Protein backbone atom coordinates (compact mmCIF):
# COMPACT_ATOMS: atom_id res chain seq x y z
CA UNK A 1 -26.39 -8.79 21.01
CA UNK A 2 -22.62 -9.04 20.69
CA UNK A 3 -22.78 -8.35 16.98
CA UNK A 4 -24.95 -5.25 17.50
CA UNK A 5 -22.65 -3.97 20.23
CA UNK A 6 -19.48 -4.37 18.15
CA UNK A 7 -21.17 -2.94 15.03
CA UNK A 8 -22.27 0.15 16.96
CA UNK A 9 -18.78 0.71 18.33
CA UNK A 10 -17.33 0.35 14.84
CA UNK A 11 -19.78 2.97 13.52
CA UNK A 12 -18.62 5.46 16.14
CA UNK A 13 -14.97 4.86 15.23
CA UNK A 14 -15.76 5.30 11.52
CA UNK A 15 -17.47 8.63 12.24
CA UNK A 16 -14.41 9.77 14.17
CA UNK A 17 -12.18 8.67 11.31
CA UNK A 18 -14.33 10.48 8.74
CA UNK A 19 -13.84 13.67 10.78
CA UNK A 20 -10.09 13.39 10.34
CA UNK A 21 -8.87 11.22 13.21
CA UNK A 22 -6.77 8.22 12.21
CA UNK A 23 -8.28 5.27 14.07
CA UNK A 24 -6.91 1.83 14.92
CA UNK A 25 -8.45 -1.37 16.22
CA UNK A 26 -7.23 -4.36 18.18
CA UNK A 27 -8.80 -7.78 18.72
CA UNK A 28 -9.11 -8.78 22.37
CA UNK A 29 -9.84 -12.36 23.38
CA UNK A 30 -10.75 -13.69 26.81
CA UNK A 31 -7.29 -15.28 26.90
CA UNK A 32 -8.23 -18.72 28.18
CA UNK A 33 -7.81 -22.22 26.73
CA UNK A 34 -11.14 -21.97 24.88
CA UNK A 35 -9.97 -19.14 22.59
CA UNK A 36 -9.93 -20.31 18.98
CA UNK A 37 -6.50 -20.32 17.27
CA UNK A 38 -7.72 -17.83 14.63
CA UNK A 39 -8.91 -15.44 17.33
CA UNK A 40 -5.60 -15.74 19.18
CA UNK A 41 -3.80 -14.94 15.91
CA UNK A 42 -6.06 -11.91 15.38
CA UNK A 43 -5.17 -10.69 18.86
CA UNK A 44 -1.46 -11.24 18.19
CA UNK A 45 -1.63 -8.75 15.31
CA UNK A 46 -1.87 -5.89 17.79
CA UNK A 47 -3.14 -2.50 16.63
CA UNK A 48 -4.08 -2.31 12.95
CA UNK A 49 -5.77 0.39 10.81
CA UNK A 50 -9.53 0.58 11.33
CA UNK A 51 -10.34 -0.29 7.72
CA UNK A 52 -8.01 -3.32 7.53
CA UNK A 53 -9.23 -6.88 8.02
CA UNK A 54 -7.71 -9.17 10.61
CA UNK A 55 -5.56 -12.11 9.48
CA UNK A 56 -8.59 -14.43 9.31
CA UNK A 57 -10.39 -12.03 6.96
CA UNK A 58 -12.89 -10.71 9.49
CA UNK A 59 -13.45 -7.05 10.25
CA UNK A 60 -14.42 -7.41 13.90
CA UNK A 61 -15.70 -9.87 16.45
CA UNK A 62 -17.86 -11.78 16.95
CA UNK A 63 -16.73 -13.75 13.94
CA UNK A 64 -18.71 -16.90 14.71
CA UNK A 65 -21.25 -18.28 17.20
CA UNK A 66 -19.88 -18.51 20.71
CA UNK A 67 -17.17 -15.91 20.13
CA UNK A 68 -16.38 -14.10 23.40
CA UNK A 69 -13.93 -11.61 21.91
CA UNK A 70 -14.31 -7.85 21.73
CA UNK A 71 -12.77 -5.01 19.77
CA UNK A 72 -10.67 -2.21 21.19
CA UNK A 73 -10.36 1.05 19.25
CA UNK A 74 -8.20 4.10 19.68
CA UNK A 75 -6.89 7.14 17.88
CA UNK A 76 -3.55 6.30 16.29
CA UNK A 77 -0.80 7.73 18.51
CA UNK A 78 1.40 10.44 17.09
CA UNK A 79 4.73 9.08 15.94
């Protein structure tokens, strides 16, 4: 279910991007002691371009069984 949810959200962001909006994504963990080091490092990257991979090579959560992370997306703010 988590994979389908995150995939659907990513599709919406890609449609927005294809219409001309520059989109970004950010990894969000639960923030407790059970968060995997790779997921914490992904979160520490902050906002990155929608089409970029996170530091562990994944595109979005969940990256493995038991992952409780989610993906935040936004339009890139004007500079």
